[in-house]
Amino acid sequence: MDDKEALRVGAAVRRRRRSLGLTLAAVADRSGLSVPFLSQIENERARPSARSLERVADALETTIPVLHAAADSARTVDVVRADGDGPGVRRVARGGHQLHAKEYTGEQDTGREYQHRNDEVMYIADGSVEVEAEGRAYRLERGDTLYLSGGVRHRWRATEPGTRILVVAVAEHIDATFDTRR
């Protein structure tokens, strides 16, 4: 791993610490490292040794490979080129990122009901769509957006030729559920 890669683990450390609701002081107590050093790691001003990073990972109830994977996904830049004009489904973002995005074109009607763990947004770029969610029917036209909270059962179908829909959701491997007990 080069110096730039080693430094970038800081954002992953910060995200993990915050997801656990921990302060820097709590992580310092758990890891035996100082608050200033942990702050420098998170702000990418210090490069932790393998042993220090292991102590941080243990304190955050995770592993070094998980932190590296989170750091890798945090810095990915990926261009997805348009593939022709035919109907179908096209991934707008590839890989195991925090967002999942697809573009649907043509007269899609699978008749299938969906229920996703996390929130999603449906944007109608062209055409129109009928969506059934929570026992209600919605007709969406070009430029309309529908937001669905995680766990909402829904189904949709394009209602005219040339319909293009962009669906962006928090990826299923991300735990973005809100715990009201915290």
N, C-alpha and C. Protein backbone atom coordinates (compact mmCIF):
# COMPACT_ATOMS: atom_id res chain seq x y z
N MET A 1 0.86 -1.17 0.00
CA MET A 1 0.00 0.00 0.00
C MET A 1 0.90 1.23 0.00
N ASP A 2 0.61 2.21 -0.87
CA ASP A 2 1.43 3.41 -0.89
C ASP A 2 0.95 4.41 0.16
N ASP A 3 1.70 5.51 0.31
CA ASP A 3 1.39 6.50 1.34
C ASP A 3 -0.01 7.09 1.19
N LYS A 4 -0.40 7.37 -0.04
CA LYS A 4 -1.73 7.96 -0.25
C LYS A 4 -2.82 7.01 0.19
N GLU A 5 -2.68 5.71 -0.11
CA GLU A 5 -3.69 4.74 0.31
C GLU A 5 -3.74 4.64 1.83
N ALA A 6 -2.57 4.63 2.47
CA ALA A 6 -2.53 4.51 3.92
C ALA A 6 -3.22 5.70 4.58
N LEU A 7 -3.05 6.87 4.02
CA LEU A 7 -3.66 8.06 4.61
C LEU A 7 -5.17 8.05 4.46
N ARG A 8 -5.70 7.48 3.41
CA ARG A 8 -7.13 7.56 3.13
C ARG A 8 -7.99 6.69 4.04
N VAL A 9 -7.40 5.85 4.85
CA VAL A 9 -8.18 5.03 5.75
C VAL A 9 -8.86 5.89 6.83
N GLY A 10 -8.42 7.12 7.00
CA GLY A 10 -8.97 8.01 8.02
C GLY A 10 -10.45 8.25 7.88
N ALA A 11 -10.92 8.46 6.67
CA ALA A 11 -12.36 8.70 6.46
C ALA A 11 -13.16 7.47 6.84
N ALA A 12 -12.63 6.28 6.54
CA ALA A 12 -13.32 5.04 6.91
C ALA A 12 -13.36 4.87 8.43
N VAL A 13 -12.27 5.23 9.09
CA VAL A 13 -12.22 5.17 10.56
C VAL A 13 -13.26 6.12 11.15
N ARG A 14 -13.32 7.34 10.64
CA ARG A 14 -14.29 8.32 11.15
C ARG A 14 -15.73 7.85 10.95
N ARG A 15 -16.03 7.34 9.73
CA ARG A 15 -17.40 6.86 9.47
C ARG A 15 -17.77 5.73 10.42
N ARG A 16 -16.86 4.79 10.62
CA ARG A 16 -17.13 3.65 11.50
C ARG A 16 -17.33 4.12 12.94
N ARG A 17 -16.48 5.01 13.40
CA ARG A 17 -16.60 5.53 14.77
C ARG A 17 -17.94 6.21 14.97
N ARG A 18 -18.32 7.04 14.02
CA ARG A 18 -19.59 7.77 14.12
C ARG A 18 -20.78 6.81 14.04
N SER A 19 -20.67 5.78 13.20
CA SER A 19 -21.78 4.82 13.09
C SER A 19 -22.01 4.07 14.39
N LEU A 20 -20.96 3.93 15.18
CA LEU A 20 -21.07 3.29 16.49
C LEU A 20 -21.45 4.28 17.59
N GLY A 21 -21.49 5.57 17.26
CA GLY A 21 -21.83 6.59 18.24
C GLY A 21 -20.73 6.81 19.27
N LEU A 22 -19.49 6.60 18.86
CA LEU A 22 -18.35 6.74 19.78
C LEU A 22 -17.65 8.08 19.60
N THR A 23 -17.11 8.58 20.68
CA THR A 23 -16.27 9.78 20.63
C THR A 23 -14.83 9.35 20.40
N LEU A 24 -13.99 10.31 20.04
CA LEU A 24 -12.56 10.00 19.91
C LEU A 24 -12.00 9.52 21.24
N ALA A 25 -12.48 10.11 22.34
CA ALA A 25 -12.01 9.71 23.67
C ALA A 25 -12.36 8.25 23.96
N ALA A 26 -13.54 7.82 23.56
CA ALA A 26 -13.94 6.43 23.78
C ALA A 26 -13.05 5.48 22.97
N VAL A 27 -12.75 5.85 21.73
CA VAL A 27 -11.89 5.01 20.90
C VAL A 27 -10.47 5.01 21.47
N ALA A 28 -10.04 6.15 21.99
CA ALA A 28 -8.72 6.22 22.63
C ALA A 28 -8.66 5.27 23.83
N ASP A 29 -9.70 5.27 24.65
CA ASP A 29 -9.74 4.36 25.81
C ASP A 29 -9.69 2.90 25.37
N ARG A 30 -10.45 2.58 24.33
CA ARG A 30 -10.52 1.19 23.86
C ARG A 30 -9.23 0.73 23.19
N SER A 31 -8.54 1.66 22.52
CA SER A 31 -7.38 1.28 21.71
C SER A 31 -6.04 1.50 22.41
N GLY A 32 -6.03 2.37 23.42
CA GLY A 32 -4.77 2.71 24.07
C GLY A 32 -3.97 3.75 23.30
N LEU A 33 -4.58 4.33 22.26
CA LEU A 33 -3.92 5.38 21.48
C LEU A 33 -4.44 6.73 21.95
N SER A 34 -3.71 7.78 21.67
CA SER A 34 -4.10 9.11 22.14
C SER A 34 -5.17 9.73 21.25
N VAL A 35 -5.97 10.61 21.85
CA VAL A 35 -6.99 11.34 21.10
C VAL A 35 -6.36 12.15 19.97
N PRO A 36 -5.25 12.89 20.23
CA PRO A 36 -4.65 13.66 19.13
C PRO A 36 -4.20 12.77 17.96
N PHE A 37 -3.63 11.60 18.26
CA PHE A 37 -3.19 10.70 17.20
C PHE A 37 -4.38 10.18 16.41
N LEU A 38 -5.45 9.78 17.10
CA LEU A 38 -6.66 9.31 16.41
C LEU A 38 -7.26 10.41 15.54
N SER A 39 -7.24 11.63 16.04
CA SER A 39 -7.73 12.76 15.26
C SER A 39 -6.90 12.95 14.00
N GLN A 40 -5.58 12.81 14.14
CA GLN A 40 -4.70 12.93 12.97
C GLN A 40 -4.97 11.81 11.96
N ILE A 41 -5.25 10.61 12.44
CA ILE A 41 -5.58 9.50 11.53
C ILE A 41 -6.85 9.84 10.77
N GLU A 42 -7.89 10.26 11.51
CA GLU A 42 -9.17 10.55 10.86
C GLU A 42 -9.07 11.70 9.87
N ASN A 43 -8.22 12.67 10.16
CA ASN A 43 -8.04 13.82 9.28
C ASN A 43 -6.95 13.58 8.23
N GLU A 44 -6.47 12.35 8.17
CA GLU A 44 -5.50 11.92 7.18
C GLU A 44 -4.19 12.72 7.24
N ARG A 45 -3.81 13.05 8.47
CA ARG A 45 -2.54 13.76 8.69
C ARG A 45 -1.50 12.86 9.34
N ALA A 46 -1.91 11.65 9.68
CA ALA A 46 -0.98 10.67 10.24
C ALA A 46 -1.22 9.34 9.58
N ARG A 47 -0.15 8.59 9.39
CA ARG A 47 -0.24 7.26 8.80
C ARG A 47 -0.01 6.24 9.90
N PRO A 48 -1.06 5.51 10.29
CA PRO A 48 -0.89 4.55 11.38
C PRO A 48 -0.08 3.33 10.94
N SER A 49 0.69 2.81 11.86
CA SER A 49 1.39 1.55 11.60
C SER A 49 0.34 0.44 11.54
N ALA A 50 0.76 -0.73 11.07
CA ALA A 50 -0.17 -1.86 11.01
C ALA A 50 -0.70 -2.19 12.41
N ARG A 51 0.18 -2.13 13.41
CA ARG A 51 -0.23 -2.43 14.79
C ARG A 51 -1.22 -1.38 15.30
N SER A 52 -0.96 -0.10 15.04
CA SER A 52 -1.89 0.95 15.49
C SER A 52 -3.23 0.81 14.79
N LEU A 53 -3.21 0.51 13.50
CA LEU A 53 -4.46 0.35 12.77
C LEU A 53 -5.24 -0.86 13.29
N GLU A 54 -4.52 -1.91 13.66
CA GLU A 54 -5.18 -3.07 14.24
C GLU A 54 -5.86 -2.71 15.57
N ARG A 55 -5.20 -1.90 16.36
CA ARG A 55 -5.78 -1.47 17.64
C ARG A 55 -7.03 -0.60 17.40
N VAL A 56 -6.97 0.25 16.39
CA VAL A 56 -8.12 1.09 16.04
C VAL A 56 -9.27 0.19 15.56
N ALA A 57 -8.97 -0.75 14.68
CA ALA A 57 -10.00 -1.65 14.16
C ALA A 57 -10.66 -2.44 15.29
N ASP A 58 -9.85 -2.95 16.21
CA ASP A 58 -10.41 -3.68 17.36
C ASP A 58 -11.31 -2.78 18.19
N ALA A 59 -10.89 -1.56 18.41
CA ALA A 59 -11.68 -0.60 19.20
C ALA A 59 -13.00 -0.28 18.51
N LEU A 60 -13.00 -0.35 17.18
CA LEU A 60 -14.20 -0.05 16.40
C LEU A 60 -14.98 -1.32 16.04
N GLU A 61 -14.61 -2.45 16.66
CA GLU A 61 -15.30 -3.71 16.46
C GLU A 61 -15.37 -4.11 14.99
N THR A 62 -14.23 -3.96 14.31
CA THR A 62 -14.15 -4.33 12.90
C THR A 62 -12.75 -4.87 12.64
N THR A 63 -12.39 -4.98 11.36
CA THR A 63 -11.08 -5.50 10.99
C THR A 63 -10.38 -4.52 10.05
N ILE A 64 -9.09 -4.70 9.90
CA ILE A 64 -8.32 -3.86 8.98
C ILE A 64 -8.83 -4.03 7.54
N PRO A 65 -9.07 -5.27 7.07
CA PRO A 65 -9.58 -5.40 5.70
C PRO A 65 -10.92 -4.67 5.47
N VAL A 66 -11.77 -4.66 6.47
CA VAL A 66 -13.05 -3.96 6.34
C VAL A 66 -12.80 -2.45 6.24
N LEU A 67 -11.89 -1.93 7.05
CA LEU A 67 -11.55 -0.50 6.98
C LEU A 67 -10.93 -0.16 5.63
N HIS A 68 -10.06 -1.04 5.13
CA HIS A 68 -9.45 -0.79 3.82
C HIS A 68 -10.51 -0.82 2.72
N ALA A 69 -11.44 -1.77 2.79
CA ALA A 69 -12.50 -1.85 1.79
C ALA A 69 -13.36 -0.59 1.82
N ALA A 70 -13.66 -0.12 3.03
CA ALA A 70 -14.45 1.12 3.16
C ALA A 70 -13.67 2.30 2.61
N ALA A 71 -12.36 2.31 2.83
CA ALA A 71 -11.54 3.40 2.30
C ALA A 71 -11.49 3.32 0.78
N ASP A 72 -11.38 2.09 0.24
CA ASP A 72 -11.36 1.93 -1.22
C ASP A 72 -12.64 2.43 -1.85
N SER A 73 -13.80 2.07 -1.28
CA SER A 73 -15.06 2.48 -1.88
C SER A 73 -15.28 3.98 -1.72
N ALA A 74 -14.67 4.57 -0.70
CA ALA A 74 -14.85 6.00 -0.47
C ALA A 74 -14.12 6.84 -1.51
N ARG A 75 -13.10 6.27 -2.15
CA ARG A 75 -12.31 7.09 -3.07
C ARG A 75 -12.43 6.66 -4.52
N THR A 76 -13.39 5.83 -4.81
CA THR A 76 -13.55 5.33 -6.17
C THR A 76 -14.12 6.41 -7.08
N VAL A 77 -13.54 6.53 -8.25
CA VAL A 77 -14.08 7.37 -9.31
C VAL A 77 -14.31 6.42 -10.47
N ASP A 78 -15.54 6.36 -10.95
CA ASP A 78 -15.87 5.40 -11.99
C ASP A 78 -16.82 6.06 -12.99
N VAL A 79 -16.47 6.02 -14.24
CA VAL A 79 -17.33 6.54 -15.30
C VAL A 79 -18.04 5.35 -15.93
N VAL A 80 -19.36 5.44 -16.03
CA VAL A 80 -20.15 4.42 -16.69
C VAL A 80 -20.71 5.05 -17.96
N ARG A 81 -20.29 4.56 -19.09
CA ARG A 81 -20.71 5.12 -20.37
C ARG A 81 -22.09 4.61 -20.78
N ALA A 82 -22.83 5.43 -21.49
CA ALA A 82 -24.14 5.03 -22.01
C ALA A 82 -23.94 3.94 -23.05
N ASP A 83 -24.79 2.92 -23.05
CA ASP A 83 -24.70 1.79 -23.99
C ASP A 83 -25.89 1.81 -24.94
N GLY A 84 -25.84 2.54 -25.99
CA GLY A 84 -26.90 2.48 -26.99
C GLY A 84 -28.24 3.03 -26.50
N ASP A 85 -29.26 2.82 -27.31
CA ASP A 85 -30.57 3.39 -27.02
C ASP A 85 -31.64 2.35 -26.77
N GLY A 86 -31.31 1.08 -26.74
CA GLY A 86 -32.33 0.05 -26.62
C GLY A 86 -32.96 -0.03 -25.24
N PRO A 87 -34.14 -0.69 -25.15
CA PRO A 87 -34.81 -0.84 -23.87
C PRO A 87 -34.06 -1.81 -22.96
N GLY A 88 -34.24 -1.65 -21.67
CA GLY A 88 -33.63 -2.57 -20.73
C GLY A 88 -33.24 -1.90 -19.44
N VAL A 89 -32.30 -2.54 -18.77
CA VAL A 89 -31.82 -2.07 -17.48
C VAL A 89 -30.32 -1.84 -17.60
N ARG A 90 -29.88 -0.69 -17.14
CA ARG A 90 -28.45 -0.36 -17.18
C ARG A 90 -28.01 0.10 -15.81
N ARG A 91 -26.92 -0.48 -15.33
CA ARG A 91 -26.34 -0.01 -14.07
C ARG A 91 -25.72 1.35 -14.31
N VAL A 92 -26.03 2.29 -13.44
CA VAL A 92 -25.49 3.64 -13.54
C VAL A 92 -24.25 3.76 -12.65
N ALA A 93 -24.18 2.92 -11.62
CA ALA A 93 -23.00 2.85 -10.76
C ALA A 93 -22.66 1.37 -10.61
N ARG A 94 -21.37 1.06 -10.72
CA ARG A 94 -20.92 -0.33 -10.61
C ARG A 94 -20.28 -0.57 -9.26
N GLY A 95 -20.17 -1.83 -8.90
CA GLY A 95 -19.40 -2.22 -7.73
C GLY A 95 -20.19 -2.17 -6.43
N GLY A 96 -19.46 -2.36 -5.34
CA GLY A 96 -20.07 -2.43 -4.01
C GLY A 96 -20.07 -1.09 -3.30
N HIS A 97 -20.61 -0.09 -3.92
CA HIS A 97 -20.63 1.24 -3.35
C HIS A 97 -21.80 1.41 -2.38
N GLN A 98 -21.86 2.54 -1.74
CA GLN A 98 -22.92 2.80 -0.77
C GLN A 98 -24.24 3.12 -1.45
N LEU A 99 -24.19 3.55 -2.70
CA LEU A 99 -25.41 3.79 -3.46
C LEU A 99 -25.51 2.77 -4.59
N HIS A 100 -26.72 2.40 -4.87
CA HIS A 100 -27.04 1.48 -5.94
C HIS A 100 -27.90 2.27 -6.92
N ALA A 101 -27.53 2.31 -8.19
CA ALA A 101 -28.29 3.12 -9.15
C ALA A 101 -28.46 2.36 -10.46
N LYS A 102 -29.70 2.39 -10.98
CA LYS A 102 -30.01 1.76 -12.26
C LYS A 102 -30.92 2.67 -13.07
N GLU A 103 -30.76 2.57 -14.38
CA GLU A 103 -31.65 3.27 -15.30
C GLU A 103 -32.47 2.21 -16.02
N TYR A 104 -33.78 2.40 -16.01
CA TYR A 104 -34.70 1.50 -16.71
C TYR A 104 -35.24 2.24 -17.92
N THR A 105 -35.20 1.61 -19.07
CA THR A 105 -35.74 2.23 -20.28
C THR A 105 -36.72 1.27 -20.94
N GLY A 106 -37.70 1.85 -21.62
CA GLY A 106 -38.69 1.04 -22.31
C GLY A 106 -39.88 0.76 -21.43
N GLU A 107 -40.68 -0.18 -21.87
CA GLU A 107 -41.92 -0.49 -21.16
C GLU A 107 -41.68 -1.62 -20.17
N GLN A 108 -41.08 -1.30 -19.05
CA GLN A 108 -40.81 -2.27 -18.00
C GLN A 108 -42.11 -2.56 -17.23
N ASP A 109 -42.42 -3.80 -17.04
CA ASP A 109 -43.56 -4.20 -16.22
C ASP A 109 -43.32 -5.63 -15.78
N THR A 110 -42.61 -5.80 -14.71
CA THR A 110 -42.32 -7.15 -14.24
C THR A 110 -43.47 -7.71 -13.41
N GLY A 111 -44.36 -6.83 -12.93
CA GLY A 111 -45.45 -7.26 -12.07
C GLY A 111 -44.95 -7.67 -10.69
N ARG A 112 -43.69 -7.50 -10.47
CA ARG A 112 -43.05 -7.93 -9.23
C ARG A 112 -43.17 -6.87 -8.15
N GLU A 113 -43.34 -7.31 -6.92
CA GLU A 113 -43.35 -6.40 -5.78
C GLU A 113 -41.95 -6.33 -5.19
N TYR A 114 -41.53 -5.13 -4.84
CA TYR A 114 -40.20 -4.92 -4.27
C TYR A 114 -40.32 -4.44 -2.83
N GLN A 115 -39.33 -4.77 -2.04
CA GLN A 115 -39.20 -4.22 -0.69
C GLN A 115 -37.71 -4.20 -0.38
N HIS A 116 -37.18 -2.99 -0.26
CA HIS A 116 -35.75 -2.84 -0.03
C HIS A 116 -35.48 -2.45 1.42
N ARG A 117 -34.34 -2.84 1.89
CA ARG A 117 -33.94 -2.56 3.27
C ARG A 117 -33.77 -1.07 3.53
N ASN A 118 -33.25 -0.36 2.53
CA ASN A 118 -32.91 1.05 2.70
C ASN A 118 -33.75 1.95 1.80
N ASP A 119 -33.60 3.24 1.99
CA ASP A 119 -34.35 4.24 1.24
C ASP A 119 -33.96 4.25 -0.24
N GLU A 120 -34.90 4.71 -1.07
CA GLU A 120 -34.61 4.86 -2.49
C GLU A 120 -35.40 6.02 -3.07
N VAL A 121 -34.90 6.51 -4.19
CA VAL A 121 -35.54 7.60 -4.93
C VAL A 121 -35.72 7.13 -6.37
N MET A 122 -36.92 7.40 -6.92
CA MET A 122 -37.21 7.08 -8.31
C MET A 122 -37.46 8.40 -9.03
N TYR A 123 -36.67 8.66 -10.07
CA TYR A 123 -36.80 9.89 -10.85
C TYR A 123 -37.23 9.52 -12.26
N ILE A 124 -38.28 10.17 -12.76
CA ILE A 124 -38.79 9.88 -14.09
C ILE A 124 -38.13 10.85 -15.07
N ALA A 125 -37.19 10.37 -15.86
CA ALA A 125 -36.47 11.21 -16.82
C ALA A 125 -37.30 11.47 -18.07
N ASP A 126 -38.04 10.47 -18.52
CA ASP A 126 -38.93 10.58 -19.69
C ASP A 126 -40.10 9.63 -19.50
N GLY A 127 -41.25 9.98 -20.09
CA GLY A 127 -42.39 9.09 -20.07
C GLY A 127 -43.21 9.21 -18.80
N SER A 128 -43.86 8.10 -18.44
CA SER A 128 -44.68 8.09 -17.23
C SER A 128 -44.69 6.69 -16.62
N VAL A 129 -45.01 6.65 -15.33
CA VAL A 129 -44.94 5.42 -14.56
C VAL A 129 -46.12 5.39 -13.60
N GLU A 130 -46.63 4.20 -13.36
CA GLU A 130 -47.60 3.99 -12.28
C GLU A 130 -46.89 3.21 -11.19
N VAL A 131 -47.00 3.72 -9.96
CA VAL A 131 -46.37 3.09 -8.81
C VAL A 131 -47.45 2.79 -7.78
N GLU A 132 -47.40 1.60 -7.21
CA GLU A 132 -48.28 1.26 -6.09
C GLU A 132 -47.39 1.08 -4.87
N ALA A 133 -47.67 1.86 -3.82
CA ALA A 133 -46.88 1.79 -2.59
C ALA A 133 -47.78 2.07 -1.40
N GLU A 134 -47.65 1.25 -0.37
CA GLU A 134 -48.44 1.43 0.84
C GLU A 134 -49.93 1.49 0.55
N GLY A 135 -50.39 0.69 -0.41
CA GLY A 135 -51.81 0.63 -0.72
C GLY A 135 -52.35 1.79 -1.53
N ARG A 136 -51.48 2.67 -1.98
CA ARG A 136 -51.92 3.82 -2.79
C ARG A 136 -51.26 3.76 -4.15
N ALA A 137 -51.96 4.32 -5.15
CA ALA A 137 -51.43 4.36 -6.50
C ALA A 137 -50.97 5.78 -6.81
N TYR A 138 -49.84 5.89 -7.48
CA TYR A 138 -49.26 7.18 -7.87
C TYR A 138 -48.97 7.14 -9.36
N ARG A 139 -49.32 8.20 -10.05
CA ARG A 139 -48.95 8.34 -11.46
C ARG A 139 -47.86 9.40 -11.52
N LEU A 140 -46.72 9.02 -12.03
CA LEU A 140 -45.57 9.92 -12.11
C LEU A 140 -45.29 10.25 -13.57
N GLU A 141 -45.02 11.50 -13.83
CA GLU A 141 -44.73 11.99 -15.17
C GLU A 141 -43.28 12.46 -15.24
N ARG A 142 -42.85 12.80 -16.43
CA ARG A 142 -41.49 13.30 -16.65
C ARG A 142 -41.15 14.40 -15.64
N GLY A 143 -39.99 14.24 -14.97
CA GLY A 143 -39.51 15.22 -14.00
C GLY A 143 -39.97 14.96 -12.57
N ASP A 144 -40.93 14.04 -12.38
CA ASP A 144 -41.42 13.72 -11.03
C ASP A 144 -40.42 12.82 -10.31
N THR A 145 -40.44 12.89 -8.99
CA THR A 145 -39.59 12.06 -8.14
C THR A 145 -40.45 11.43 -7.07
N LEU A 146 -40.18 10.18 -6.75
CA LEU A 146 -40.86 9.47 -5.68
C LEU A 146 -39.81 8.98 -4.71
N TYR A 147 -40.01 9.28 -3.43
CA TYR A 147 -39.12 8.82 -2.37
C TYR A 147 -39.81 7.68 -1.64
N LEU A 148 -39.08 6.60 -1.39
CA LEU A 148 -39.61 5.46 -0.65
C LEU A 148 -38.68 5.16 0.52
N SER A 149 -39.23 5.12 1.71
CA SER A 149 -38.46 4.73 2.88
C SER A 149 -38.13 3.25 2.80
N GLY A 150 -37.04 2.86 3.45
CA GLY A 150 -36.70 1.45 3.51
C GLY A 150 -37.84 0.66 4.12
N GLY A 151 -38.10 -0.52 3.56
CA GLY A 151 -39.15 -1.39 4.09
C GLY A 151 -40.50 -1.22 3.44
N VAL A 152 -40.69 -0.18 2.61
CA VAL A 152 -41.97 0.04 1.96
C VAL A 152 -42.12 -0.92 0.77
N ARG A 153 -43.20 -1.71 0.78
CA ARG A 153 -43.49 -2.61 -0.34
C ARG A 153 -44.04 -1.78 -1.49
N HIS A 154 -43.55 -2.06 -2.70
CA HIS A 154 -44.00 -1.29 -3.86
C HIS A 154 -43.81 -2.08 -5.15
N ARG A 155 -44.54 -1.65 -6.16
CA ARG A 155 -44.38 -2.18 -7.51
C ARG A 155 -44.59 -1.01 -8.46
N TRP A 156 -44.03 -1.13 -9.67
CA TRP A 156 -44.17 -0.05 -10.65
C TRP A 156 -44.16 -0.60 -12.06
N ARG A 157 -44.69 0.22 -12.96
CA ARG A 157 -44.65 -0.15 -14.38
C ARG A 157 -44.65 1.12 -15.22
N ALA A 158 -43.89 1.08 -16.30
CA ALA A 158 -43.89 2.18 -17.26
C ALA A 158 -45.21 2.12 -18.03
N THR A 159 -45.78 3.29 -18.31
CA THR A 159 -47.08 3.31 -18.97
C THR A 159 -47.04 3.88 -20.38
N GLU A 160 -45.87 4.24 -20.86
CA GLU A 160 -45.78 4.68 -22.25
C GLU A 160 -44.40 4.35 -22.82
N PRO A 161 -44.33 4.16 -24.14
CA PRO A 161 -43.05 3.83 -24.78
C PRO A 161 -42.03 4.95 -24.53
N GLY A 162 -40.78 4.56 -24.48
CA GLY A 162 -39.72 5.55 -24.31
C GLY A 162 -39.52 6.02 -22.88
N THR A 163 -40.20 5.41 -21.94
CA THR A 163 -40.04 5.81 -20.54
C THR A 163 -38.63 5.50 -20.07
N ARG A 164 -38.04 6.47 -19.35
CA ARG A 164 -36.72 6.29 -18.72
C ARG A 164 -36.84 6.65 -17.25
N ILE A 165 -36.40 5.74 -16.40
CA ILE A 165 -36.51 5.91 -14.95
C ILE A 165 -35.14 5.70 -14.34
N LEU A 166 -34.77 6.58 -13.44
CA LEU A 166 -33.53 6.42 -12.68
C LEU A 166 -33.91 6.08 -11.25
N VAL A 167 -33.42 4.94 -10.77
CA VAL A 167 -33.67 4.52 -9.40
C VAL A 167 -32.33 4.51 -8.67
N VAL A 168 -32.27 5.30 -7.58
CA VAL A 168 -31.07 5.38 -6.76
C VAL A 168 -31.46 4.98 -5.34
N ALA A 169 -30.71 4.03 -4.78
CA ALA A 169 -31.03 3.55 -3.44
C ALA A 169 -29.75 3.37 -2.64
N VAL A 170 -29.88 3.44 -1.33
CA VAL A 170 -28.78 3.07 -0.46
C VAL A 170 -28.62 1.56 -0.62
N ALA A 171 -27.41 1.11 -0.88
CA ALA A 171 -27.15 -0.30 -1.18
C ALA A 171 -27.58 -1.21 -0.03
N GLU A 172 -27.97 -2.42 -0.39
CA GLU A 172 -28.48 -3.38 0.60
C GLU A 172 -27.42 -3.77 1.64
N HIS A 173 -26.14 -3.72 1.27
CA HIS A 173 -25.11 -4.12 2.23
C HIS A 173 -24.81 -3.03 3.26
N ILE A 174 -25.43 -1.88 3.12
CA ILE A 174 -25.26 -0.77 4.07
C ILE A 174 -26.40 -0.80 5.07
N ASP A 175 -26.07 -0.69 6.35
CA ASP A 175 -27.11 -0.62 7.37
C ASP A 175 -27.42 0.85 7.63
N ALA A 176 -28.40 1.36 6.88
CA ALA A 176 -28.76 2.78 7.00
C ALA A 176 -30.06 2.95 7.77
N THR A 177 -30.47 1.91 8.48
CA THR A 177 -31.69 2.01 9.25
C THR A 177 -31.45 2.88 10.47
N PHE A 178 -32.46 3.62 10.86
CA PHE A 178 -32.36 4.53 11.99
C PHE A 178 -32.90 3.86 13.22
N ASP A 179 -32.09 3.76 14.25
CA ASP A 179 -32.50 3.14 15.50
C ASP A 179 -33.02 4.23 16.43
N THR A 180 -34.31 4.24 16.69
CA THR A 180 -34.91 5.28 17.53
C THR A 180 -34.54 5.14 18.99
N ARG A 181 -33.93 4.02 19.37
CA ARG A 181 -33.55 3.82 20.77
C ARG A 181 -32.25 4.50 21.13
N ARG A 182 -31.53 5.02 20.14
CA ARG A 182 -30.24 5.67 20.43
C ARG A 182 -30.45 7.07 20.89
